[in-house]
PDB file of N, CA and C in Angstrom:
ATOM      1  N   MET A   1     -40.483   4.493  11.011  1.00  0.00           N
ATOM      2  CA  MET A   1     -41.126   4.104   9.898  1.00  0.00           C
ATOM      3  C   MET A   1     -40.734   5.034   8.638  1.00  0.00           C
ATOM      4  N   GLU A   2     -40.348   4.381   7.638  1.00  0.00           N
ATOM      5  CA  GLU A   2     -39.932   5.072   6.476  1.00  0.00           C
ATOM      6  C   GLU A   2     -41.061   5.492   5.645  1.00  0.00           C
ATOM      7  N   LEU A   3     -40.998   6.691   4.885  1.00  0.00           N
ATOM      8  CA  LEU A   3     -42.003   7.151   4.079  1.00  0.00           C
ATOM      9  C   LEU A   3     -42.604   6.125   3.164  1.00  0.00           C
ATOM     10  N   SER A   4     -41.536   5.360   2.604  1.00  0.00           N
ATOM     11  CA  SER A   4     -41.908   4.263   1.583  1.00  0.00           C
ATOM     12  C   SER A   4     -42.778   3.196   2.088  1.00  0.00           C
ATOM     13  N   ASP A   5     -42.859   3.102   3.390  1.00  0.00           N
ATOM     14  CA  ASP A   5     -43.686   1.971   4.041  1.00  0.00           C
ATOM     15  C   ASP A   5     -45.141   2.327   4.029  1.00  0.00           C
ATOM     16  N   PHE A   6     -45.647   3.552   3.523  1.00  0.00           N
ATOM     17  CA  PHE A   6     -46.922   3.829   3.365  1.00  0.00           C
ATOM     18  C   PHE A   6     -47.496   3.649   2.024  1.00  0.00           C
ATOM     19  N   ASP A   7     -48.708   3.462   2.021  1.00  0.00           N
ATOM     20  CA  ASP A   7     -49.490   3.399   0.766  1.00  0.00           C
ATOM     21  C   ASP A   7     -50.418   4.643   0.976  1.00  0.00           C
ATOM     22  N   PHE A   8     -49.882   5.882   0.538  1.00  0.00           N
ATOM     23  CA  PHE A   8     -50.504   7.083   0.859  1.00  0.00           C
ATOM     24  C   PHE A   8     -52.057   7.128   0.388  1.00  0.00           C
ATOM     25  N   ASN A   9     -52.405   6.460  -0.849  1.00  0.00           N
ATOM     26  CA  ASN A   9     -53.697   6.470  -1.277  1.00  0.00           C
ATOM     27  C   ASN A   9     -54.744   5.728  -0.157  1.00  0.00           C
ATOM     28  N   SER A  10     -54.340   4.747   0.297  1.00  0.00           N
ATOM     29  CA  SER A  10     -55.119   4.022   1.074  1.00  0.00           C
ATOM     30  C   SER A  10     -55.100   4.624   2.543  1.00  0.00           C
ATOM     31  N   THR A  11     -53.924   5.092   2.907  1.00  0.00           N
ATOM     32  CA  THR A  11     -53.802   5.917   4.290  1.00  0.00           C
ATOM     33  C   THR A  11     -54.767   7.149   4.253  1.00  0.00           C
ATOM     34  N   LEU A  12     -54.544   8.077   3.346  1.00  0.00           N
ATOM     35  CA  LEU A  12     -55.403   9.280   3.266  1.00  0.00           C
ATOM     36  C   LEU A  12     -56.802   8.994   2.870  1.00  0.00           C
ATOM     37  N   HIS A  13     -57.033   8.071   2.061  1.00  0.00           N
ATOM     38  CA  HIS A  13     -58.433   7.871   1.632  1.00  0.00           C
ATOM     39  C   HIS A  13     -59.424   7.145   2.554  1.00  0.00           C
ATOM     40  N   SER A  14     -58.878   6.030   2.983  1.00  0.00           N
ATOM     41  CA  SER A  14     -59.805   5.189   3.657  1.00  0.00           C
ATOM     42  C   SER A  14     -59.392   5.046   5.064  1.00  0.00           C
ATOM     43  N   GLN A  15     -58.346   5.459   5.699  1.00  0.00           N
ATOM     44  CA  GLN A  15     -57.882   5.016   6.888  1.00  0.00           C
ATOM     45  C   GLN A  15     -57.557   6.412   7.738  1.00  0.00           C
ATOM     46  N   HIS A  16     -57.821   7.458   7.154  1.00  0.00           N
ATOM     47  CA  HIS A  16     -57.339   8.725   7.903  1.00  0.00           C
ATOM     48  C   HIS A  16     -58.287   8.957   9.175  1.00  0.00           C
ATOM     49  N   SER A  17     -59.515   8.573   9.144  1.00  0.00           N
ATOM     50  CA  SER A  17     -60.463   8.710  10.219  1.00  0.00           C
ATOM     51  C   SER A  17     -60.115   7.793  11.194  1.00  0.00           C
ATOM     52  N   THR A  18     -59.784   6.533  10.859  1.00  0.00           N
ATOM     53  CA  THR A  18     -59.358   5.548  11.869  1.00  0.00           C
ATOM     54  C   THR A  18     -58.075   6.050  12.620  1.00  0.00           C
ATOM     55  N   LEU A  19     -57.021   6.578  11.778  1.00  0.00           N
ATOM     56  CA  LEU A  19     -55.794   6.858  12.500  1.00  0.00           C
ATOM     57  C   LEU A  19     -56.010   8.059  13.358  1.00  0.00           C
ATOM     58  N   LEU A  20     -56.914   8.968  13.021  1.00  0.00           N
ATOM     59  CA  LEU A  20     -57.267  10.030  13.899  1.00  0.00           C
ATOM     60  C   LEU A  20     -57.989   9.628  15.117  1.00  0.00           C
ATOM     61  N   LYS A  21     -58.811   8.748  14.959  1.00  0.00           N
ATOM     62  CA  LYS A  21     -59.578   8.156  16.178  1.00  0.00           C
ATOM     63  C   LYS A  21     -58.740   7.401  17.069  1.00  0.00           C
ATOM     64  N   GLU A  22     -57.688   6.647  16.502  1.00  0.00           N
ATOM     65  CA  GLU A  22     -56.790   6.042  17.381  1.00  0.00           C
ATOM     66  C   GLU A  22     -55.753   6.775  17.986  1.00  0.00           C
ATOM     67  N   CYS A  23     -55.532   7.987  17.581  1.00  0.00           N
ATOM     68  CA  CYS A  23     -54.667   8.892  17.982  1.00  0.00           C
ATOM     69  C   CYS A  23     -53.025   8.435  17.896  1.00  0.00           C
ATOM     70  N   LYS A  24     -52.980   7.690  16.944  1.00  0.00           N
ATOM     71  CA  LYS A  24     -51.586   7.255  16.529  1.00  0.00           C
ATOM     72  C   LYS A  24     -50.742   8.354  16.005  1.00  0.00           C
ATOM     73  N   VAL A  25     -49.492   8.559  16.490  1.00  0.00           N
ATOM     74  CA  VAL A  25     -48.582   9.564  15.961  1.00  0.00           C
ATOM     75  C   VAL A  25     -47.515   9.000  15.017  1.00  0.00           C
ATOM     76  N   ILE A  26     -47.433   9.598  13.857  1.00  0.00           N
ATOM     77  CA  ILE A  26     -46.477   9.081  12.925  1.00  0.00           C
ATOM     78  C   ILE A  26     -45.652  10.326  12.730  1.00  0.00           C
ATOM     79  N   LYS A  27     -44.327  10.145  12.887  1.00  0.00           N
ATOM     80  CA  LYS A  27     -43.432  11.112  12.522  1.00  0.00           C
ATOM     81  C   LYS A  27     -42.640  10.979  11.278  1.00  0.00           C
ATOM     82  N   ILE A  28     -42.579  12.122  10.339  1.00  0.00           N
ATOM     83  CA  ILE A  28     -41.773  11.850   9.191  1.00  0.00           C
ATOM     84  C   ILE A  28     -40.924  12.998   9.071  1.00  0.00           C
ATOM     85  N   GLU A  29     -39.597  12.702   8.764  1.00  0.00           N
ATOM     86  CA  GLU A  29     -38.512  13.580   8.535  1.00  0.00           C
ATOM     87  C   GLU A  29     -38.490  14.078   7.027  1.00  0.00           C
ATOM     88  N   MET A  30     -38.417  15.353   6.667  1.00  0.00           N
ATOM     89  CA  MET A  30     -38.215  15.538   5.280  1.00  0.00           C
ATOM     90  C   MET A  30     -37.532  17.006   5.200  1.00  0.00           C
ATOM     91  N   THR A  31     -37.089  17.124   4.032  1.00  0.00           N
ATOM     92  CA  THR A  31     -36.490  18.509   3.943  1.00  0.00           C
ATOM     93  C   THR A  31     -37.398  19.540   3.647  1.00  0.00           C
ATOM     94  N   GLU A  32     -37.027  20.774   3.713  1.00  0.00           N
ATOM     95  CA  GLU A  32     -38.012  21.833   3.499  1.00  0.00           C
ATOM     96  C   GLU A  32     -38.603  21.819   2.086  1.00  0.00           C
ATOM     97  N   SER A  33     -37.919  21.616   1.005  1.00  0.00           N
ATOM     98  CA  SER A  33     -38.379  21.565  -0.168  1.00  0.00           C
ATOM     99  C   SER A  33     -39.488  20.265  -0.229  1.00  0.00           C
ATOM    100  N   GLN A  34     -39.070  19.182   0.311  1.00  0.00           N
ATOM    101  CA  GLN A  34     -39.998  18.213   0.354  1.00  0.00           C
ATOM    102  C   GLN A  34     -41.472  18.511   0.977  1.00  0.00           C
ATOM    103  N   GLY A  35     -41.230  19.291   2.154  1.00  0.00           N
ATOM    104  CA  GLY A  35     -42.443  19.689   2.662  1.00  0.00           C
ATOM    105  C   GLY A  35     -43.288  20.607   2.019  1.00  0.00           C
ATOM    106  N   GLN A  36     -42.491  21.430   1.116  1.00  0.00           N
ATOM    107  CA  GLN A  36     -43.287  22.370   0.240  1.00  0.00           C
ATOM    108  C   GLN A  36     -44.014  21.754  -0.741  1.00  0.00           C
ATOM    109  N   LEU A  37     -43.253  20.574  -1.391  1.00  0.00           N
ATOM    110  CA  LEU A  37     -43.819  19.911  -2.419  1.00  0.00           C
ATOM    111  C   LEU A  37     -45.208  19.187  -1.885  1.00  0.00           C
ATOM    112  N   LEU A  38     -44.955  18.473  -0.734  1.00  0.00           N
ATOM    113  CA  LEU A  38     -46.239  17.840  -0.113  1.00  0.00           C
ATOM    114  C   LEU A  38     -47.217  18.810   0.158  1.00  0.00           C
ATOM    115  N   ASN A  39     -46.967  19.992   0.492  1.00  0.00           N
ATOM    116  CA  ASN A  39     -48.108  21.041   0.743  1.00  0.00           C
ATOM    117  C   ASN A  39     -48.710  21.318  -0.613  1.00  0.00           C
ATOM    118  N   GLU A  40     -48.025  21.517  -1.594  1.00  0.00           N
ATOM    119  CA  GLU A  40     -48.490  21.786  -3.030  1.00  0.00           C
ATOM    120  C   GLU A  40     -49.404  20.578  -3.466  1.00  0.00           C
ATOM    121  N   ILE A  41     -49.001  19.306  -3.173  1.00  0.00           N
ATOM    122  CA  ILE A  41     -49.842  18.172  -3.573  1.00  0.00           C
ATOM    123  C   ILE A  41     -51.059  18.332  -2.800  1.00  0.00           C
ATOM    124  N   LEU A  42     -51.018  18.404  -1.465  1.00  0.00           N
ATOM    125  CA  LEU A  42     -52.189  18.458  -0.580  1.00  0.00           C
ATOM    126  C   LEU A  42     -53.287  19.560  -1.092  1.00  0.00           C
ATOM    127  N   ASP A  43     -52.615  20.635  -1.453  1.00  0.00           N
ATOM    128  CA  ASP A  43     -53.472  21.799  -1.807  1.00  0.00           C
ATOM    129  C   ASP A  43     -54.257  21.559  -3.198  1.00  0.00           C
ATOM    130  N   ARG A  44     -53.656  20.857  -4.103  1.00  0.00           N
ATOM    131  CA  ARG A  44     -54.178  20.369  -5.225  1.00  0.00           C
ATOM    132  C   ARG A  44     -55.382  19.359  -4.984  1.00  0.00           C
ATOM    133  N   VAL A  45     -54.932  18.426  -4.155  1.00  0.00           N
ATOM    134  CA  VAL A  45     -55.929  17.476  -3.671  1.00  0.00           C
ATOM    135  C   VAL A  45     -57.125  18.228  -3.136  1.00  0.00           C
ATOM    136  N   LEU A  46     -56.894  19.165  -2.205  1.00  0.00           N
ATOM    137  CA  LEU A  46     -57.922  19.944  -1.497  1.00  0.00           C
ATOM    138  C   LEU A  46     -58.954  20.581  -2.481  1.00  0.00           C
ATOM    139  N   SER A  47     -58.244  21.168  -3.471  1.00  0.00           N
ATOM    140  CA  SER A  47     -59.118  21.875  -4.401  1.00  0.00           C
ATOM    141  C   SER A  47     -60.016  20.827  -5.145  1.00  0.00           C
ATOM    142  N   ASP A  48     -59.493  19.681  -5.575  1.00  0.00           N
ATOM    143  CA  ASP A  48     -60.363  18.701  -6.251  1.00  0.00           C
ATOM    144  C   ASP A  48     -61.362  18.177  -5.506  1.00  0.00           C
ATOM    145  N   LEU A  49     -61.033  17.966  -4.051  1.00  0.00           N
ATOM    146  CA  LEU A  49     -62.145  17.426  -3.107  1.00  0.00           C
ATOM    147  C   LEU A  49     -63.221  18.612  -2.880  1.00  0.00           C
ATOM    148  N   ARG A  50     -62.743  19.716  -2.798  1.00  0.00           N
ATOM    149  CA  ARG A  50     -63.872  20.824  -2.742  1.00  0.00           C
ATOM    150  C   ARG A  50     -64.948  20.709  -3.852  1.00  0.00           C
ATOM    151  N   MET A  51     -64.368  20.628  -5.047  1.00  0.00           N
ATOM    152  CA  MET A  51     -65.250  20.465  -6.317  1.00  0.00           C
ATOM    153  C   MET A  51     -66.164  19.214  -6.154  1.00  0.00           C
ATOM    154  N   GLU A  52     -65.431  18.058  -5.669  1.00  0.00           N
ATOM    155  CA  GLU A  52     -66.277  16.666  -5.619  1.00  0.00           C
ATOM    156  C   GLU A  52     -67.387  16.883  -4.727  1.00  0.00           C
ATOM    157  N   ILE A  53     -67.006  17.588  -3.427  1.00  0.00           N
ATOM    158  CA  ILE A  53     -68.086  17.898  -2.316  1.00  0.00           C
ATOM    159  C   ILE A  53     -69.225  18.426  -2.901  1.00  0.00           C
ATOM    160  N   ALA A  54     -69.015  19.631  -3.732  1.00  0.00           N
ATOM    161  CA  ALA A  54     -70.027  20.448  -4.229  1.00  0.00           C
ATOM    162  C   ALA A  54     -70.769  19.685  -5.332  1.00  0.00           C
ATOM    163  N   ALA A  55     -70.329  18.684  -5.954  1.00  0.00           N
ATOM    164  CA  ALA A  55     -71.041  18.062  -7.156  1.00  0.00           C
ATOM    165  C   ALA A  55     -71.701  16.706  -6.619  1.00  0.00           C
ATOM    166  N   THR A  56     -71.385  16.385  -5.274  1.00  0.00           N
ATOM    167  CA  THR A  56     -71.950  15.182  -4.617  1.00  0.00           C
ATOM    168  C   THR A  56     -73.395  15.438  -4.156  1.00  0.00           C
ATOM    169  N   ASP A  57     -74.380  14.344  -4.517  1.00  0.00           N
ATOM    170  CA  ASP A  57     -75.679  14.481  -3.957  1.00  0.00           C
ATOM    171  C   ASP A  57     -75.848  13.629  -2.688  1.00  0.00           C
ATOM    172  N   SER A  58     -75.025  12.679  -2.504  1.00  0.00           N
ATOM    173  CA  SER A  58     -75.390  11.732  -1.321  1.00  0.00           C
ATOM    174  C   SER A  58     -74.778  12.384  -0.110  1.00  0.00           C
ATOM    175  N   PRO A  59     -75.794  12.699   0.851  1.00  0.00           N
ATOM    176  CA  PRO A  59     -75.354  13.303   2.213  1.00  0.00           C
ATOM    177  C   PRO A  59     -74.288  12.414   2.820  1.00  0.00           C
ATOM    178  N   PHE A  60     -74.427  11.050   2.915  1.00  0.00           N
ATOM    179  CA  PHE A  60     -73.461  10.203   3.610  1.00  0.00           C
ATOM    180  C   PHE A  60     -71.977  10.422   2.785  1.00  0.00           C
ATOM    181  N   TYR A  61     -71.948  10.413   1.588  1.00  0.00           N
ATOM    182  CA  TYR A  61     -70.733  10.496   0.829  1.00  0.00           C
ATOM    183  C   TYR A  61     -70.239  11.810   1.071  1.00  0.00           C
ATOM    184  N   LYS A  62     -70.930  12.770   1.104  1.00  0.00           N
ATOM    185  CA  LYS A  62     -70.541  14.336   1.258  1.00  0.00           C
ATOM    186  C   LYS A  62     -69.888  14.442   2.636  1.00  0.00           C
ATOM    187  N   ASP A  63     -70.498  13.806   3.666  1.00  0.00           N
ATOM    188  CA  ASP A  63     -70.005  13.767   4.928  1.00  0.00           C
ATOM    189  C   ASP A  63     -68.630  13.177   5.096  1.00  0.00           C
ATOM    190  N   LYS A  64     -68.411  12.061   4.356  1.00  0.00           N
ATOM    191  CA  LYS A  64     -67.213  11.363   4.370  1.00  0.00           C
ATOM    192  C   LYS A  64     -66.195  12.161   3.575  1.00  0.00           C
ATOM    193  N   LEU A  65     -66.420  12.800   2.618  1.00  0.00           N
ATOM    194  CA  LEU A  65     -65.604  13.828   1.888  1.00  0.00           C
ATOM    195  C   LEU A  65     -65.201  14.923   2.698  1.00  0.00           C
ATOM    196  N   ARG A  66     -66.144  15.492   3.415  1.00  0.00           N
ATOM    197  CA  ARG A  66     -65.728  16.533   4.422  1.00  0.00           C
ATOM    198  C   ARG A  66     -64.852  16.267   5.434  1.00  0.00           C
ATOM    199  N   GLU A  67     -65.095  14.968   5.986  1.00  0.00           N
ATOM    200  CA  GLU A  67     -64.157  14.453   6.974  1.00  0.00           C
ATOM    201  C   GLU A  67     -62.593  14.195   6.250  1.00  0.00           C
ATOM    202  N   ARG A  68     -62.568  13.844   5.082  1.00  0.00           N
ATOM    203  CA  ARG A  68     -61.430  13.810   4.436  1.00  0.00           C
ATOM    204  C   ARG A  68     -60.668  15.178   4.244  1.00  0.00           C
ATOM    205  N   LYS A  69     -61.473  16.137   3.864  1.00  0.00           N
ATOM    206  CA  LYS A  69     -61.019  17.544   3.815  1.00  0.00           C
ATOM    207  C   LYS A  69     -60.489  18.041   5.000  1.00  0.00           C
ATOM    208  N   GLU A  70     -61.226  17.868   6.117  1.00  0.00           N
ATOM    209  CA  GLU A  70     -60.619  18.299   7.430  1.00  0.00           C
ATOM    210  C   GLU A  70     -59.291  17.524   7.716  1.00  0.00           C
ATOM    211  N   GLY A  71     -59.121  16.257   7.520  1.00  0.00           N
ATOM    212  CA  GLY A  71     -57.964  15.610   7.602  1.00  0.00           C
ATOM    213  C   GLY A  71     -56.850  16.216   6.882  1.00  0.00           C
ATOM    214  N   ILE A  72     -57.063  16.675   5.536  1.00  0.00           N
ATOM    215  CA  ILE A  72     -56.214  17.162   4.668  1.00  0.00           C
ATOM    216  C   ILE A  72     -55.779  18.548   5.265  1.00  0.00           C
ATOM    217  N   ILE A  73     -56.703  19.328   5.574  1.00  0.00           N
ATOM    218  CA  ILE A  73     -56.313  20.721   6.229  1.00  0.00           C
ATOM    219  C   ILE A  73     -55.639  20.533   7.402  1.00  0.00           C
ATOM    220  N   SER A  74     -55.827  19.464   8.338  1.00  0.00           N
ATOM    221  CA  SER A  74     -54.988  19.569   9.406  1.00  0.00           C
ATOM    222  C   SER A  74     -53.510  19.040   9.226  1.00  0.00           C
ATOM    223  N   VAL A  75     -53.324  18.214   8.133  1.00  0.00           N
ATOM    224  CA  VAL A  75     -52.039  17.856   7.750  1.00  0.00           C
ATOM    225  C   VAL A  75     -51.254  19.102   7.075  1.00  0.00           C
ATOM    226  N   MET A  76     -52.153  19.977   6.480  1.00  0.00           N
ATOM    227  CA  MET A  76     -51.318  21.184   5.863  1.00  0.00           C
ATOM    228  C   MET A  76     -51.058  22.149   7.077  1.00  0.00           C
ATOM    229  N   ALA A  77     -51.845  22.179   8.010  1.00  0.00           N
ATOM    230  CA  ALA A  77     -51.631  23.220   9.064  1.00  0.00           C
ATOM    231  C   ALA A  77     -50.370  22.603   9.808  1.00  0.00           C
ATOM    232  N   LEU A  78     -50.180  21.274   9.969  1.00  0.00           N
ATOM    233  CA  LEU A  78     -48.972  20.720  10.579  1.00  0.00           C
ATOM    234  C   LEU A  78     -47.680  21.162   9.702  1.00  0.00           C
ATOM    235  N   LEU A  79     -47.830  21.007   8.359  1.00  0.00           N
ATOM    236  CA  LEU A  79     -46.636  21.440   7.580  1.00  0.00           C
ATOM    237  C   LEU A  79     -46.227  22.880   7.619  1.00  0.00           C
ATOM    238  N   LYS A  80     -47.396  23.805   7.643  1.00  0.00           N
ATOM    239  CA  LYS A  80     -47.207  25.057   7.780  1.00  0.00           C
ATOM    240  C   LYS A  80     -46.378  25.511   9.171  1.00  0.00           C
ATOM    241  N   GLY A  81     -46.754  24.744  10.251  1.00  0.00           N
ATOM    242  CA  GLY A  81     -46.128  25.104  11.496  1.00  0.00           C
ATOM    243  C   GLY A  81     -44.695  24.614  11.479  1.00  0.00           C
ATOM    244  N   LYS A  82     -44.288  23.802  10.575  1.00  0.00           N
ATOM    245  CA  LYS A  82     -42.817  23.204  10.578  1.00  0.00           C
ATOM    246  C   LYS A  82     -41.963  23.947   9.576  1.00  0.00           C
ATOM    247  N   SER A  83     -42.642  24.705   8.569  1.00  0.00           N
ATOM    248  CA  SER A  83     -41.840  25.437   7.644  1.00  0.00           C
ATOM    249  C   SER A  83     -41.342  26.680   8.093  1.00  0.00           C
TER     250      SER A  83
END
């Protein structure tokens, strides 16, 4: 599957929990610089997400944001393991 086949917003935002539950494995090959760029992007998203979690009053929404945060952290850990 090519990188361009994904709509990353919908995959990371609304489907990451489903993907994790189904245990599907997606393999993506990228250069080291592409991996570093992806890690930087995820780091920025994670920072924004932490601020959004802190500012959210709804317990349900806060839990969903925390799930997303854990998904992003797990992807970042995978990237660090490969670089």
